[in-house]
Amino acid sequence: MKGLVIKDFYNVVNNGWGLFIMMLILAVAIVPTQGFLGYLVAGTVVCSMMSTTSFAIDNNSKWEQFAITFPIDRKDIVKGKFITLFLFTMIGILLSIILGSLAAVIFQSDILQTIDVKEIGQMIIVGISVALIFGTNSIALLLKFGAEKARMFLILGYVIPGAILIYVVDKLQELGVIFTGEKLNQFIYLLPILVIIWLSISYTLAVAIMKKKQY
C-alpha cells in the first residue's frame, strides 16, 4: 500500500515544475480579480487533479497489467489512488496559501489584512471538499474507462456535481429558503460529513469496478 502511494507521488512529482508554473499563473490571474479566497479554492482543486495524472502514467507504462501478476489486492490499488488524491489535495492547500499570499502582497498589499482567519478556515474546508468530491468522481471514471477513453467523460465528474448543487439551491430558493450567512456557515461545517459519505460511496463503487476489470 505504502509503495503504491510513493510510486504515484514520485511519478507525478517528476512533472512538478509544470504544476508549480500552473499554480503561479493561476495566482497571477485569480488573486487580483477574485481575491485570495477564490484562489485558495481554485488552486486546491487544480492541484488535486494531478492525482489523475498517475492513471495516464500507469496506462502508458502498462503498469496495471504488470501489477496484477503480483500478490497485490485490487482493493489496495484503489485505496492507493484515493490516498494519492488526498495527498495532492493537501499539497494544493499548502501551495495555494503560500503562492496566494505572495500574489496578494505583490498585487494588493492590504488584502490579507481584510480577511478573517475564520473565512480562510471555511475556504480551506470548501477547497478540500470540492477537490475530494470531484477527484473521487474522476477516479471512478478512470478506472471504468481507462486513461484514454475517460478523457471525454472526466468533465462529467466536475459538471454533474456542480449542476446538482445549483439545482438543489434553486429549488430551495423556490421553496422560500433564504441562505443567510449563518446558514451558509452551518452548511460549510456540514461539508466534511457529506464528503465522508461521498468518499465511502465512491470508494465502494471504485473497488467494484476494479475487481471486475479485465486486462
Protein backbone atom coordinates (compact mmCIF):
# COMPACT_ATOMS: atom_id res chain seq x y z
CA MET A 1 0.00 0.00 0.00
CA LYS A 2 2.67 2.49 1.02
CA GLY A 3 4.72 1.56 -2.04
CA LEU A 4 1.74 2.22 -4.34
CA VAL A 5 1.28 5.73 -2.96
CA ILE A 6 5.01 6.51 -3.15
CA LYS A 7 5.06 5.29 -6.77
CA ASP A 8 2.21 7.61 -7.78
CA PHE A 9 3.68 10.53 -5.84
CA TYR A 10 7.13 10.25 -7.42
CA ASN A 11 5.68 9.76 -10.90
CA VAL A 12 3.63 12.95 -10.65
CA VAL A 13 6.29 15.00 -8.84
CA ASN A 14 8.69 14.30 -11.73
CA ASN A 15 6.43 16.67 -13.66
CA GLY A 16 6.19 19.02 -10.69
CA TRP A 17 7.54 22.10 -12.43
CA GLY A 18 4.52 22.12 -14.73
CA LEU A 19 2.20 22.11 -11.73
CA PHE A 20 4.17 24.86 -9.98
CA ILE A 21 4.10 27.09 -13.07
CA MET A 22 0.35 26.45 -13.48
CA MET A 23 -0.26 27.42 -9.86
CA LEU A 24 1.79 30.63 -10.35
CA ILE A 25 -0.22 31.56 -13.44
CA LEU A 26 -3.46 30.93 -11.57
CA ALA A 27 -2.27 33.09 -8.67
CA VAL A 28 -1.47 35.98 -11.01
CA ALA A 29 -4.82 35.57 -12.83
CA ILE A 30 -7.15 34.96 -9.88
CA VAL A 31 -5.83 36.82 -6.81
CA PRO A 32 -6.01 40.37 -8.30
CA THR A 33 -9.54 39.78 -9.66
CA GLN A 34 -11.25 37.14 -7.47
CA GLY A 35 -9.17 37.56 -4.33
CA PHE A 36 -7.11 35.31 -2.12
CA LEU A 37 -10.05 33.14 -1.01
CA GLY A 38 -11.09 32.39 -4.59
CA TYR A 39 -7.57 31.29 -5.43
CA LEU A 40 -7.43 29.14 -2.31
CA VAL A 41 -10.31 27.01 -3.60
CA ALA A 42 -9.30 27.02 -7.28
CA GLY A 43 -5.65 26.23 -6.55
CA THR A 44 -6.57 23.33 -4.29
CA VAL A 45 -8.86 21.78 -6.91
CA VAL A 46 -6.30 22.19 -9.70
CA CYS A 47 -3.51 20.65 -7.63
CA SER A 48 -5.71 17.72 -6.60
CA MET A 49 -6.30 16.95 -10.28
CA MET A 50 -2.65 15.91 -10.51
CA SER A 51 -3.68 12.63 -8.88
CA THR A 52 -5.41 11.69 -12.15
CA THR A 53 -2.06 12.09 -13.93
CA SER A 54 -0.95 8.87 -12.26
CA PHE A 55 -3.56 7.00 -14.30
CA ALA A 56 -2.09 8.28 -17.56
CA ILE A 57 1.41 7.28 -16.42
CA ASP A 58 0.20 3.82 -15.40
CA ASN A 59 -1.59 3.44 -18.73
CA ASN A 60 1.45 4.44 -20.78
CA SER A 61 3.72 2.05 -18.90
CA LYS A 62 1.13 -0.78 -18.78
CA TRP A 63 1.72 -0.86 -15.03
CA GLU A 64 -1.69 -2.23 -14.02
CA GLN A 65 -1.31 -5.30 -16.25
CA PHE A 66 2.06 -5.87 -14.61
CA ALA A 67 0.83 -5.20 -11.06
CA ILE A 68 -1.96 -7.79 -11.07
CA THR A 69 0.62 -10.53 -11.65
CA PHE A 70 1.91 -9.83 -8.13
CA PRO A 71 0.11 -10.57 -4.84
CA ILE A 72 -1.44 -7.08 -4.74
CA ASP A 73 -5.08 -6.81 -3.76
CA ARG A 74 -7.02 -4.75 -6.30
CA LYS A 75 -8.67 -3.02 -3.36
CA ASP A 76 -5.24 -1.72 -2.32
CA ILE A 77 -4.67 -0.27 -5.79
CA VAL A 78 -7.90 1.71 -5.46
CA LYS A 79 -7.08 2.73 -1.91
CA GLY A 80 -3.68 3.96 -3.09
CA LYS A 81 -5.33 6.22 -5.68
CA PHE A 82 -7.62 7.71 -3.05
CA ILE A 83 -4.70 8.37 -0.71
CA THR A 84 -2.78 9.99 -3.58
CA LEU A 85 -5.78 12.24 -4.24
CA PHE A 86 -5.88 13.28 -0.58
CA LEU A 87 -2.12 13.87 -0.57
CA PHE A 88 -2.21 16.20 -3.58
CA THR A 89 -5.24 17.98 -2.14
CA MET A 90 -3.20 18.79 0.97
CA ILE A 91 -0.29 19.92 -1.21
CA GLY A 92 -2.77 22.11 -3.09
CA ILE A 93 -3.88 23.79 0.14
CA LEU A 94 -0.29 24.47 1.15
CA LEU A 95 0.77 25.81 -2.26
CA SER A 96 -2.38 27.92 -2.54
CA ILE A 97 -1.76 29.57 0.82
CA ILE A 98 1.90 30.30 0.04
CA LEU A 99 1.51 31.44 -3.58
CA GLY A 100 -1.80 33.20 -2.89
CA SER A 101 -0.28 35.16 -0.02
CA LEU A 102 2.71 36.09 -2.19
CA ALA A 103 0.45 37.27 -5.03
CA ALA A 104 -1.71 39.20 -2.56
CA VAL A 105 1.32 41.04 -1.20
CA ILE A 106 2.53 41.88 -4.71
CA PHE A 107 -0.78 42.96 -6.23
CA GLN A 108 -2.90 44.01 -3.24
CA SER A 109 -0.79 44.61 -0.19
CA ASP A 110 -3.79 45.12 2.13
CA ILE A 111 -5.92 42.14 1.04
CA LEU A 112 -4.68 39.78 3.74
CA GLN A 113 -5.44 42.34 6.42
CA THR A 114 -9.13 42.41 5.43
CA ILE A 115 -9.58 38.62 5.51
CA ASP A 116 -10.80 36.99 8.68
CA VAL A 117 -8.98 33.85 9.85
CA LYS A 118 -12.41 32.20 10.12
CA GLU A 119 -13.05 32.89 6.42
CA ILE A 120 -9.73 31.31 5.48
CA GLY A 121 -10.62 28.23 7.53
CA GLN A 122 -14.01 27.99 5.83
CA MET A 123 -12.49 28.28 2.36
CA ILE A 124 -9.97 25.58 3.24
CA ILE A 125 -12.89 23.30 4.13
CA VAL A 126 -14.66 24.21 0.87
CA GLY A 127 -11.50 23.71 -1.20
CA ILE A 128 -10.73 20.31 0.29
CA SER A 129 -14.35 19.19 -0.02
CA VAL A 130 -14.70 20.22 -3.67
CA ALA A 131 -11.32 18.70 -4.58
CA LEU A 132 -12.12 15.36 -2.93
CA ILE A 133 -15.62 15.09 -4.38
CA PHE A 134 -14.51 15.93 -7.92
CA GLY A 135 -11.37 13.83 -7.57
CA THR A 136 -13.21 10.69 -6.47
CA ASN A 137 -15.58 11.05 -9.42
CA SER A 138 -12.56 11.18 -11.72
CA ILE A 139 -11.02 8.07 -10.14
CA ALA A 140 -14.19 6.05 -10.73
CA LEU A 141 -14.38 7.20 -14.35
CA LEU A 142 -10.70 6.48 -15.00
CA LEU A 143 -10.99 3.00 -13.52
CA LYS A 144 -14.10 2.30 -15.56
CA PHE A 145 -12.98 3.61 -18.95
CA GLY A 146 -9.19 3.84 -18.71
CA ALA A 147 -6.98 6.90 -19.11
CA GLU A 148 -7.56 7.27 -22.86
CA LYS A 149 -11.31 6.73 -23.12
CA ALA A 150 -12.11 8.56 -19.87
CA ARG A 151 -10.84 11.93 -21.09
CA MET A 152 -14.15 12.74 -22.73
CA PHE A 153 -16.04 11.74 -19.59
CA LEU A 154 -13.86 13.41 -16.96
CA ILE A 155 -15.61 16.73 -17.38
CA LEU A 156 -18.78 14.99 -16.20
CA GLY A 157 -17.09 14.28 -12.88
CA TYR A 158 -16.91 18.03 -12.35
CA VAL A 159 -20.00 19.29 -14.17
CA ILE A 160 -22.57 16.87 -12.73
CA PRO A 161 -21.92 17.61 -9.01
CA GLY A 162 -21.89 21.33 -9.76
CA ALA A 163 -25.14 21.08 -11.71
CA ILE A 164 -26.77 19.08 -8.91
CA LEU A 165 -25.71 21.67 -6.34
CA ILE A 166 -27.05 24.56 -8.44
CA TYR A 167 -30.33 22.67 -8.99
CA VAL A 168 -30.76 21.96 -5.28
CA VAL A 169 -30.01 25.58 -4.35
CA ASP A 170 -32.51 26.88 -6.93
CA LYS A 171 -35.22 24.52 -5.69
CA LEU A 172 -34.63 25.52 -2.08
CA GLN A 173 -34.87 29.18 -3.02
CA GLU A 174 -38.15 28.48 -4.83
CA LEU A 175 -39.42 26.93 -1.60
CA GLY A 176 -38.55 30.13 0.23
CA VAL A 177 -35.33 29.01 1.86
CA ILE A 178 -33.09 32.06 2.27
CA PHE A 179 -29.36 31.39 2.51
CA THR A 180 -28.20 33.74 5.22
CA GLY A 181 -24.60 33.98 6.34
CA GLU A 182 -25.43 31.78 9.33
CA LYS A 183 -26.97 29.05 7.18
CA LEU A 184 -24.03 29.09 4.79
CA ASN A 185 -21.67 28.73 7.74
CA GLN A 186 -23.68 25.75 9.00
CA PHE A 187 -23.56 24.17 5.54
CA ILE A 188 -19.78 24.62 5.32
CA TYR A 189 -19.30 22.89 8.65
CA LEU A 190 -21.50 20.02 7.46
CA LEU A 191 -19.38 19.57 4.33
CA PRO A 192 -16.85 17.19 5.96
CA ILE A 193 -19.69 14.80 6.83
CA LEU A 194 -21.05 14.95 3.29
CA VAL A 195 -17.57 14.39 1.89
CA ILE A 196 -17.04 11.31 4.08
CA ILE A 197 -20.33 9.85 2.83
CA TRP A 198 -19.43 10.67 -0.79
CA LEU A 199 -15.96 9.15 -0.38
CA SER A 200 -17.40 5.97 1.10
CA ILE A 201 -19.83 5.53 -1.80
CA SER A 202 -17.21 6.40 -4.41
CA TYR A 203 -14.62 4.07 -2.88
CA THR A 204 -17.09 1.16 -2.81
CA LEU A 205 -18.02 1.82 -6.44
CA ALA A 206 -14.36 2.13 -7.50
CA VAL A 207 -13.44 -1.15 -5.80
CA ALA A 208 -16.34 -2.91 -7.54
CA ILE A 209 -15.19 -1.53 -10.89
CA MET A 210 -11.58 -2.53 -10.27
CA LYS A 211 -12.48 -6.10 -9.28
CA LYS A 212 -14.47 -6.62 -12.48
CA LYS A 213 -11.88 -5.01 -14.73
CA GLN A 214 -10.17 -7.22 -17.28
CA TYR A 215 -6.65 -6.58 -18.58
